[in-house]
């Protein structure tokens, strides 16, 4: 699955992860800035904004939602 601004509201406040962790520090937490823009925070605390479209290069790939 791919995470982008259009579907981020479904995962807001949840952590996403991959079965095979490639190119990223998983698990990542989906958050929202006060201005309404969505971003992910990786395992080391780095925040990255989410793109508007699913087919953009910076869309985040994930396989499942982590249940804490």
N, C-alpha and C. Protein backbone atom coordinates (compact mmCIF):
# COMPACT_ATOMS: atom_id res chain seq x y z
N UNK A 1 0.84 -1.17 0.00
CA UNK A 1 0.00 0.00 0.00
C UNK A 1 0.89 1.23 0.00
N UNK A 2 0.32 2.35 -0.41
CA UNK A 2 1.07 3.60 -0.46
C UNK A 2 0.35 4.65 0.36
N UNK A 3 1.11 5.37 1.16
CA UNK A 3 0.57 6.43 2.00
C UNK A 3 0.86 7.77 1.36
N UNK A 4 -0.16 8.59 1.20
CA UNK A 4 -0.03 9.94 0.65
C UNK A 4 -1.09 10.80 1.33
N UNK A 5 -1.11 12.08 1.04
CA UNK A 5 -2.00 13.01 1.75
C UNK A 5 -3.47 12.65 1.59
N UNK A 6 -3.84 12.05 0.48
CA UNK A 6 -5.23 11.71 0.23
C UNK A 6 -5.79 10.61 1.12
N UNK A 7 -4.96 9.70 1.58
CA UNK A 7 -5.46 8.62 2.44
C UNK A 7 -4.87 8.65 3.84
N UNK A 8 -4.08 9.66 4.16
CA UNK A 8 -3.41 9.73 5.47
C UNK A 8 -4.38 9.87 6.63
N UNK A 9 -5.55 10.45 6.39
CA UNK A 9 -6.53 10.62 7.48
C UNK A 9 -6.99 9.28 8.04
N UNK A 10 -6.93 8.21 7.24
CA UNK A 10 -7.31 6.88 7.71
C UNK A 10 -6.31 6.31 8.70
N UNK A 11 -5.07 6.76 8.64
CA UNK A 11 -3.99 6.21 9.46
C UNK A 11 -3.45 7.21 10.48
N UNK A 12 -4.13 8.32 10.66
CA UNK A 12 -3.67 9.38 11.55
C UNK A 12 -3.49 8.85 12.98
N UNK A 13 -2.29 9.03 13.54
CA UNK A 13 -1.99 8.58 14.89
C UNK A 13 -1.55 7.13 14.98
N UNK A 14 -1.53 6.42 13.87
CA UNK A 14 -1.15 5.01 13.87
C UNK A 14 0.26 4.85 13.34
N UNK A 15 0.85 3.70 13.62
CA UNK A 15 2.19 3.39 13.11
C UNK A 15 2.06 2.40 11.97
N UNK A 16 2.85 2.64 10.92
CA UNK A 16 2.86 1.76 9.76
C UNK A 16 4.22 1.08 9.67
N UNK A 17 4.25 -0.10 9.06
CA UNK A 17 5.49 -0.86 8.98
C UNK A 17 5.50 -1.69 7.70
N UNK A 18 6.65 -2.27 7.41
CA UNK A 18 6.83 -3.13 6.25
C UNK A 18 7.34 -4.48 6.69
N UNK A 19 7.02 -5.50 5.92
CA UNK A 19 7.56 -6.83 6.19
C UNK A 19 9.06 -6.85 5.93
N UNK A 20 9.47 -6.26 4.80
CA UNK A 20 10.88 -6.16 4.45
C UNK A 20 11.22 -4.67 4.44
N UNK A 21 11.95 -4.22 5.44
CA UNK A 21 12.23 -2.80 5.63
C UNK A 21 13.32 -2.32 4.69
N UNK A 22 12.92 -1.61 3.63
CA UNK A 22 13.84 -1.06 2.65
C UNK A 22 13.64 0.45 2.57
N UNK A 23 14.73 1.21 2.54
CA UNK A 23 14.69 2.66 2.35
C UNK A 23 13.80 3.37 3.37
N UNK A 24 14.08 3.25 4.62
CA UNK A 24 13.33 3.96 5.63
C UNK A 24 13.54 3.37 7.00
N UNK A 25 13.26 4.15 7.99
CA UNK A 25 13.37 3.71 9.38
C UNK A 25 11.99 3.45 9.91
N UNK A 26 11.56 2.21 9.80
CA UNK A 26 10.24 1.80 10.23
C UNK A 26 10.27 1.35 11.67
N UNK A 27 9.21 1.37 12.41
CA UNK A 27 7.88 1.83 12.03
C UNK A 27 7.79 3.35 11.97
N UNK A 28 6.88 3.85 11.14
CA UNK A 28 6.66 5.28 11.00
C UNK A 28 5.28 5.64 11.54
N UNK A 29 5.20 6.80 12.17
CA UNK A 29 3.93 7.25 12.74
C UNK A 29 3.35 8.36 11.86
N UNK A 30 2.07 8.26 11.57
CA UNK A 30 1.39 9.26 10.73
C UNK A 30 0.87 10.37 11.63
N UNK A 31 1.23 11.61 11.30
CA UNK A 31 0.84 12.76 12.12
C UNK A 31 0.33 13.89 11.22
N UNK A 32 -0.15 14.96 11.86
CA UNK A 32 -0.67 16.11 11.11
C UNK A 32 -0.17 17.40 11.74
N UNK A 33 0.34 18.31 10.89
CA UNK A 33 0.76 19.63 11.35
C UNK A 33 -0.48 20.46 11.70
N UNK A 34 -0.33 21.51 12.51
CA UNK A 34 -1.48 22.37 12.84
C UNK A 34 -2.12 23.02 11.60
N UNK A 35 -1.35 23.19 10.53
CA UNK A 35 -1.93 23.79 9.31
C UNK A 35 -2.69 22.78 8.46
N UNK A 36 -2.76 21.53 8.89
CA UNK A 36 -3.55 20.51 8.20
C UNK A 36 -2.77 19.58 7.30
N UNK A 37 -1.49 19.82 7.09
CA UNK A 37 -0.69 18.96 6.22
C UNK A 37 -0.25 17.71 6.99
N UNK A 38 -0.23 16.58 6.27
CA UNK A 38 0.15 15.31 6.88
C UNK A 38 1.64 15.04 6.69
N UNK A 39 2.20 14.28 7.64
CA UNK A 39 3.59 13.88 7.56
C UNK A 39 3.78 12.57 8.31
N UNK A 40 4.92 11.93 8.08
CA UNK A 40 5.28 10.73 8.84
C UNK A 40 6.53 11.03 9.65
N UNK A 41 6.58 10.44 10.83
CA UNK A 41 7.73 10.56 11.71
C UNK A 41 8.34 9.18 11.81
N UNK A 42 9.61 9.05 11.41
CA UNK A 42 10.23 7.72 11.41
C UNK A 42 10.75 7.35 12.79
N UNK A 43 11.37 6.19 12.88
CA UNK A 43 11.80 5.64 14.17
C UNK A 43 12.89 6.45 14.86
N UNK A 44 13.64 7.26 14.11
CA UNK A 44 14.68 8.09 14.72
C UNK A 44 14.22 9.53 14.94
N UNK A 45 12.96 9.84 14.62
CA UNK A 45 12.40 11.15 14.90
C UNK A 45 12.42 12.14 13.76
N UNK A 46 12.79 11.72 12.56
CA UNK A 46 12.81 12.61 11.41
C UNK A 46 11.41 12.68 10.79
N UNK A 47 10.94 13.90 10.56
CA UNK A 47 9.61 14.11 9.97
C UNK A 47 9.73 14.37 8.48
N UNK A 48 8.83 13.73 7.71
CA UNK A 48 8.82 13.90 6.25
C UNK A 48 7.40 14.18 5.80
N UNK A 49 7.20 15.25 5.02
CA UNK A 49 5.85 15.56 4.54
C UNK A 49 5.39 14.52 3.51
N UNK A 50 4.08 14.31 3.46
CA UNK A 50 3.51 13.37 2.50
C UNK A 50 3.10 14.12 1.23
N UNK A 51 3.29 13.50 0.06
CA UNK A 51 2.89 14.14 -1.19
C UNK A 51 1.37 14.14 -1.35
N UNK A 52 0.89 14.96 -2.26
CA UNK A 52 -0.55 15.07 -2.50
C UNK A 52 -1.11 13.88 -3.27
N UNK A 53 -0.33 13.30 -4.19
CA UNK A 53 -0.82 12.23 -5.06
C UNK A 53 -0.14 10.91 -4.74
N UNK A 54 -0.87 9.82 -5.00
CA UNK A 54 -0.36 8.49 -4.73
C UNK A 54 0.83 8.13 -5.62
N UNK A 55 0.87 8.63 -6.84
CA UNK A 55 1.93 8.24 -7.76
C UNK A 55 3.17 9.13 -7.68
N UNK A 56 3.23 10.05 -6.72
CA UNK A 56 4.43 10.86 -6.52
C UNK A 56 5.56 10.00 -5.96
N UNK A 57 6.79 10.44 -6.21
CA UNK A 57 7.97 9.69 -5.79
C UNK A 57 8.05 9.52 -4.28
N UNK A 58 7.64 10.50 -3.50
CA UNK A 58 7.82 10.48 -2.05
C UNK A 58 6.69 9.79 -1.29
N UNK A 59 5.75 9.16 -1.96
CA UNK A 59 4.70 8.42 -1.26
C UNK A 59 5.37 7.28 -0.48
N UNK A 60 4.89 7.02 0.72
CA UNK A 60 5.50 6.03 1.61
C UNK A 60 4.84 4.67 1.41
N UNK A 61 5.65 3.66 1.15
CA UNK A 61 5.14 2.30 1.01
C UNK A 61 5.07 1.64 2.39
N UNK A 62 3.99 0.87 2.60
CA UNK A 62 3.87 0.11 3.84
C UNK A 62 3.03 -1.12 3.59
N UNK A 63 3.15 -2.10 4.49
CA UNK A 63 2.43 -3.36 4.34
C UNK A 63 1.32 -3.54 5.38
N UNK A 64 1.53 -3.02 6.58
CA UNK A 64 0.53 -3.20 7.63
C UNK A 64 0.60 -2.11 8.67
N UNK A 65 -0.45 -2.03 9.48
CA UNK A 65 -0.53 -1.07 10.58
C UNK A 65 -0.14 -1.80 11.86
N UNK A 66 0.74 -1.20 12.65
CA UNK A 66 1.22 -1.81 13.89
C UNK A 66 0.17 -1.61 14.98
N UNK A 67 -0.16 -2.67 15.67
CA UNK A 67 -1.08 -2.60 16.80
C UNK A 67 -0.28 -2.58 18.08
N UNK A 68 -0.30 -1.47 18.78
CA UNK A 68 0.47 -1.36 20.04
C UNK A 68 -0.24 -1.99 21.19
